[in-house]
C-alpha atoms as a PDB file:
ATOM      1  CA  MET A   1       0.000   0.000   0.000  1.00  0.00           C
ATOM      2  CA  LEU A   2       1.367   3.354  -1.001  1.00  0.00           C
ATOM      3  CA  LYS A   3       1.602   6.008   1.656  1.00  0.00           C
ATOM      4  CA  ARG A   4       0.265   9.378   0.737  1.00  0.00           C
ATOM      5  CA  LEU A   5       3.082  11.486  -0.516  1.00  0.00           C
ATOM      6  CA  LEU A   6       3.057  15.075   0.654  1.00  0.00           C
ATOM      7  CA  ILE A   7       4.562  17.262  -2.000  1.00  0.00           C
ATOM      8  CA  ILE A   8       6.272  20.411  -0.782  1.00  0.00           C
ATOM      9  CA  SER A   9       4.246  23.574  -1.024  1.00  0.00           C
ATOM     10  CA  ILE A  10       4.678  25.037  -4.456  1.00  0.00           C
ATOM     11  CA  PHE A  11       5.599  28.654  -3.869  1.00  0.00           C
ATOM     12  CA  PHE A  12       3.821  30.360  -6.675  1.00  0.00           C
ATOM     13  CA  ILE A  13       0.608  32.254  -6.988  1.00  0.00           C
ATOM     14  CA  LEU A  14      -2.037  30.315  -8.898  1.00  0.00           C
ATOM     15  CA  LEU A  15      -3.837  33.511  -9.784  1.00  0.00           C
ATOM     16  CA  PRO A  16      -2.713  37.048  -9.040  1.00  0.00           C
ATOM     17  CA  ILE A  17      -4.449  39.131  -6.418  1.00  0.00           C
ATOM     18  CA  GLN A  18      -6.046  42.294  -7.751  1.00  0.00           C
ATOM     19  CA  GLY A  19      -3.626  45.144  -7.165  1.00  0.00           C
ATOM     20  CA  SER A  20      -5.866  48.160  -6.559  1.00  0.00           C
ATOM     21  CA  ALA A  21      -6.955  49.149  -3.087  1.00  0.00           C
ATOM     22  CA  GLU A  22     -10.537  49.615  -4.320  1.00  0.00           C
ATOM     23  CA  ASN A  23     -10.740  46.058  -5.564  1.00  0.00           C
ATOM     24  CA  GLN A  24      -9.940  43.696  -2.688  1.00  0.00           C
ATOM     25  CA  ARG A  25     -11.656  40.601  -4.126  1.00  0.00           C
ATOM     26  CA  GLU A  26      -9.678  37.466  -3.462  1.00  0.00           C
ATOM     27  CA  ASN A  27      -9.179  35.082  -6.337  1.00  0.00           C
ATOM     28  CA  ILE A  28      -7.928  31.550  -6.324  1.00  0.00           C
ATOM     29  CA  LYS A  29      -4.484  32.017  -4.833  1.00  0.00           C
ATOM     30  CA  GLY A  30      -1.545  30.080  -3.459  1.00  0.00           C
ATOM     31  CA  PRO A  31       0.655  28.810  -2.193  1.00  0.00           C
ATOM     32  CA  ILE A  32      -0.612  25.454  -3.383  1.00  0.00           C
ATOM     33  CA  THR A  33      -0.107  22.203  -1.528  1.00  0.00           C
ATOM     34  CA  VAL A  34      -0.705  19.060  -3.576  1.00  0.00           C
ATOM     35  CA  THR A  35      -0.935  15.574  -2.105  1.00  0.00           C
ATOM     36  CA  SER A  36      -1.241  12.329  -4.054  1.00  0.00           C
ATOM     37  CA  GLU A  37      -0.145   8.724  -3.921  1.00  0.00           C
ATOM     38  CA  THR A  38       2.216   9.158  -6.885  1.00  0.00           C
ATOM     39  CA  LEU A  39       4.030  11.999  -8.595  1.00  0.00           C
ATOM     40  CA  THR A  40       5.827  11.846 -11.934  1.00  0.00           C
ATOM     41  CA  ALA A  41       7.830  14.996 -12.680  1.00  0.00           C
ATOM     42  CA  ASP A  42       9.140  15.689 -16.179  1.00  0.00           C
ATOM     43  CA  ASN A  43      11.569  18.607 -16.014  1.00  0.00           C
ATOM     44  CA  LYS A  44      12.142  18.622 -19.782  1.00  0.00           C
ATOM     45  CA  ALA A  45       8.414  18.895 -20.539  1.00  0.00           C
ATOM     46  CA  HIS A  46       7.843  21.167 -17.499  1.00  0.00           C
ATOM     47  CA  THR A  47       5.017  19.040 -16.158  1.00  0.00           C
ATOM     48  CA  ALA A  48       4.128  17.302 -12.931  1.00  0.00           C
ATOM     49  CA  LEU A  49       1.630  14.420 -13.035  1.00  0.00           C
ATOM     50  CA  PHE A  50      -0.121  13.681  -9.737  1.00  0.00           C
ATOM     51  CA  GLU A  51      -2.135  10.454  -9.616  1.00  0.00           C
ATOM     52  CA  LYS A  52      -4.400   8.594  -7.185  1.00  0.00           C
ATOM     53  CA  ASN A  53      -6.322  10.539  -4.556  1.00  0.00           C
ATOM     54  CA  VAL A  54      -5.073  13.948  -5.647  1.00  0.00           C
ATOM     55  CA  ILE A  55      -5.906  16.912  -3.421  1.00  0.00           C
ATOM     56  CA  ALA A  56      -4.729  20.427  -4.308  1.00  0.00           C
ATOM     57  CA  ARG A  57      -5.320  23.129  -1.688  1.00  0.00           C
ATOM     58  CA  THR A  58      -4.881  26.873  -1.860  1.00  0.00           C
ATOM     59  CA  THR A  59      -5.893  29.381   0.779  1.00  0.00           C
ATOM     60  CA  ASN A  60      -9.503  29.473  -0.443  1.00  0.00           C
ATOM     61  CA  LEU A  61      -9.984  26.526  -2.814  1.00  0.00           C
ATOM     62  CA  THR A  62      -9.696  22.728  -2.728  1.00  0.00           C
ATOM     63  CA  ILE A  63      -9.581  20.530  -5.834  1.00  0.00           C
ATOM     64  CA  TYR A  64     -10.004  16.744  -5.726  1.00  0.00           C
ATOM     65  CA  ALA A  65      -9.298  14.472  -8.712  1.00  0.00           C
ATOM     66  CA  ASP A  66      -7.961  11.039  -9.603  1.00  0.00           C
ATOM     67  CA  LYS A  67      -5.319  12.598 -11.860  1.00  0.00           C
ATOM     68  CA  MET A  68      -3.899  16.098 -12.200  1.00  0.00           C
ATOM     69  CA  LEU A  69      -1.343  17.261 -14.769  1.00  0.00           C
ATOM     70  CA  VAL A  70       0.319  20.580 -13.900  1.00  0.00           C
ATOM     71  CA  PHE A  71       2.135  22.553 -16.605  1.00  0.00           C
ATOM     72  CA  TYR A  72       4.649  25.155 -15.462  1.00  0.00           C
ATOM     73  CA  LYS A  73       7.089  27.676 -16.922  1.00  0.00           C
ATOM     74  CA  GLU A  74      10.751  26.785 -17.198  1.00  0.00           C
ATOM     75  CA  ASN A  75      11.966  29.891 -15.400  1.00  0.00           C
ATOM     76  CA  GLY A  76      10.308  30.460 -12.043  1.00  0.00           C
ATOM     77  CA  GLY A  77       7.970  27.487 -12.116  1.00  0.00           C
ATOM     78  CA  ASP A  78       4.762  29.531 -12.464  1.00  0.00           C
ATOM     79  CA  VAL A  79       1.783  27.369 -13.354  1.00  0.00           C
ATOM     80  CA  THR A  80       0.409  27.917 -16.851  1.00  0.00           C
ATOM     81  CA  LYS A  81      -2.266  25.211 -16.975  1.00  0.00           C
ATOM     82  CA  ILE A  82      -3.726  22.438 -14.838  1.00  0.00           C
ATOM     83  CA  GLU A  83      -5.688  19.503 -16.250  1.00  0.00           C
ATOM     84  CA  ALA A  84      -7.713  17.584 -13.656  1.00  0.00           C
ATOM     85  CA  ASN A  85      -9.428  14.351 -14.713  1.00  0.00           C
ATOM     86  CA  ASP A  86     -11.731  11.715 -13.282  1.00  0.00           C
ATOM     87  CA  ASN A  87     -13.954  12.448 -10.288  1.00  0.00           C
ATOM     88  CA  VAL A  88     -13.166  16.160 -10.247  1.00  0.00           C
ATOM     89  CA  LYS A  89     -14.609  18.096  -7.323  1.00  0.00           C
ATOM     90  CA  VAL A  90     -13.869  21.741  -6.564  1.00  0.00           C
ATOM     91  CA  LEU A  91     -14.827  23.330  -3.247  1.00  0.00           C
ATOM     92  CA  LYS A  92     -14.832  27.108  -2.849  1.00  0.00           C
ATOM     93  CA  GLU A  93     -16.702  28.483   0.141  1.00  0.00           C
ATOM     94  CA  ALA A  94     -20.268  27.094  -0.068  1.00  0.00           C
ATOM     95  CA  ARG A  95     -19.921  26.112  -3.747  1.00  0.00           C
ATOM     96  CA  ILE A  96     -19.225  22.607  -4.981  1.00  0.00           C
ATOM     97  CA  ILE A  97     -18.503  21.985  -8.656  1.00  0.00           C
ATOM     98  CA  THR A  98     -18.202  18.428  -9.937  1.00  0.00           C
ATOM     99  CA  SER A  99     -17.289  17.119 -13.394  1.00  0.00           C
ATOM    100  CA  LYS A 100     -15.332  14.425 -15.182  1.00  0.00           C
ATOM    101  CA  ALA A 101     -12.662  16.933 -16.270  1.00  0.00           C
ATOM    102  CA  ALA A 102     -11.554  20.482 -15.557  1.00  0.00           C
ATOM    103  CA  THR A 103      -8.845  22.609 -17.131  1.00  0.00           C
ATOM    104  CA  TYR A 104      -7.444  25.741 -15.507  1.00  0.00           C
ATOM    105  CA  TYR A 105      -5.849  28.360 -17.770  1.00  0.00           C
ATOM    106  CA  ALA A 106      -3.656  30.731 -15.753  1.00  0.00           C
ATOM    107  CA  ASP A 107      -3.226  33.425 -18.417  1.00  0.00           C
ATOM    108  CA  GLU A 108      -6.969  33.675 -18.999  1.00  0.00           C
ATOM    109  CA  GLU A 109      -7.827  33.191 -15.325  1.00  0.00           C
ATOM    110  CA  LYS A 110     -10.574  30.689 -16.052  1.00  0.00           C
ATOM    111  CA  VAL A 111     -11.514  27.080 -15.369  1.00  0.00           C
ATOM    112  CA  ILE A 112     -13.466  25.017 -17.907  1.00  0.00           C
ATOM    113  CA  PHE A 113     -15.461  22.067 -16.542  1.00  0.00           C
ATOM    114  CA  THR A 114     -16.612  19.335 -18.954  1.00  0.00           C
ATOM    115  CA  GLY A 115     -18.091  15.876 -18.637  1.00  0.00           C
ATOM    116  CA  GLU A 116     -21.424  16.360 -16.896  1.00  0.00           C
ATOM    117  CA  PRO A 117     -20.429  19.498 -14.947  1.00  0.00           C
ATOM    118  CA  ARG A 118     -22.662  20.462 -12.047  1.00  0.00           C
ATOM    119  CA  ALA A 119     -22.413  23.414  -9.661  1.00  0.00           C
ATOM    120  CA  VAL A 120     -24.184  23.386  -6.312  1.00  0.00           C
ATOM    121  CA  ASP A 121     -24.506  26.456  -4.101  1.00  0.00           C
ATOM    122  CA  GLY A 122     -26.714  25.649  -1.127  1.00  0.00           C
ATOM    123  CA  ASP A 123     -29.986  24.306  -2.538  1.00  0.00           C
ATOM    124  CA  ASN A 124     -29.390  25.815  -5.985  1.00  0.00           C
ATOM    125  CA  ILE A 125     -28.066  23.580  -8.771  1.00  0.00           C
ATOM    126  CA  VAL A 126     -26.723  24.497 -12.212  1.00  0.00           C
ATOM    127  CA  SER A 127     -25.705  21.903 -14.772  1.00  0.00           C
ATOM    128  CA  GLY A 128     -24.880  21.880 -18.461  1.00  0.00           C
ATOM    129  CA  THR A 129     -22.561  20.433 -21.073  1.00  0.00           C
ATOM    130  CA  LYS A 130     -19.776  22.900 -20.249  1.00  0.00           C
ATOM    131  CA  ILE A 131     -19.267  25.346 -17.380  1.00  0.00           C
ATOM    132  CA  THR A 132     -16.651  28.087 -17.679  1.00  0.00           C
ATOM    133  CA  TYR A 133     -15.709  29.847 -14.438  1.00  0.00           C
ATOM    134  CA  PHE A 134     -14.032  33.256 -14.779  1.00  0.00           C
ATOM    135  CA  THR A 135     -12.183  33.550 -11.492  1.00  0.00           C
ATOM    136  CA  VAL A 136     -11.450  37.293 -11.481  1.00  0.00           C
ATOM    137  CA  ASP A 137     -15.084  38.231 -12.015  1.00  0.00           C
ATOM    138  CA  ASP A 138     -16.489  35.280 -10.012  1.00  0.00           C
ATOM    139  CA  ARG A 139     -18.731  34.679 -13.036  1.00  0.00           C
ATOM    140  CA  PHE A 140     -19.972  31.508 -14.756  1.00  0.00           C
ATOM    141  CA  LEU A 141     -20.896  30.775 -18.358  1.00  0.00           C
ATOM    142  CA  VAL A 142     -22.979  27.606 -18.709  1.00  0.00           C
ATOM    143  CA  GLU A 143     -23.679  25.967 -22.062  1.00  0.00           C
ATOM    144  CA  ASN A 144     -26.947  24.014 -22.471  1.00  0.00           C
ATOM    145  CA  SER A 145     -27.883  24.950 -18.933  1.00  0.00           C
ATOM    146  CA  ARG A 146     -30.403  23.454 -16.571  1.00  0.00           C
ATOM    147  CA  VAL A 147     -31.001  25.489 -13.413  1.00  0.00           C
ATOM    148  CA  ILE A 148     -32.858  24.524 -10.255  1.00  0.00           C
ATOM    149  CA  LEU A 149     -33.387  27.411  -7.838  1.00  0.00           C
ATOM    150  CA  LYS A 150     -35.014  26.873  -4.471  1.00  0.00           C
ATOM    151  CA  ASN A 151     -37.149  29.691  -3.165  1.00  0.00           C
ATOM    152  CA  LYS A 152     -36.209  30.344   0.465  1.00  0.00           C
ATOM    153  CA  LYS A 153     -39.788  31.452   1.225  1.00  0.00           C
ATOM    154  CA  ASP A 154     -41.068  27.967   0.331  1.00  0.00           C
ATOM    155  CA  ARG A 155     -39.305  26.382   3.301  1.00  0.00           C
END
């Protein structure tokens, strides 16, 4: 049986914090700590493949997946893209987003969920064929959406 392997905290910011004093919204941010049963690092390809019971935690976000491939820049190690696959679950505050796959694009500051994506916020549920989450704006774009909203007065 493999012991869980704790990977050192990766000292980079997953997404930048807004710089202006007027705009103090917090985005997905690091440092990131990733745990998994196995890690395969490829320094030539600038990737790190985490497999089996992967958990990635930042200060305000937790991502669970069976497999996570992290792409990073050669100089500095900044993350450029993360591909999470199989049993993806993202927790941010009261929100839970599940899907078969999710891809994070650092330059565009967005996450695209595919494979039966579903977002749950309290009793409200949004699903579709593709959910794009724009992290800076805390905004979602849902393709072929189905929305179930619970009226709090009905309780």
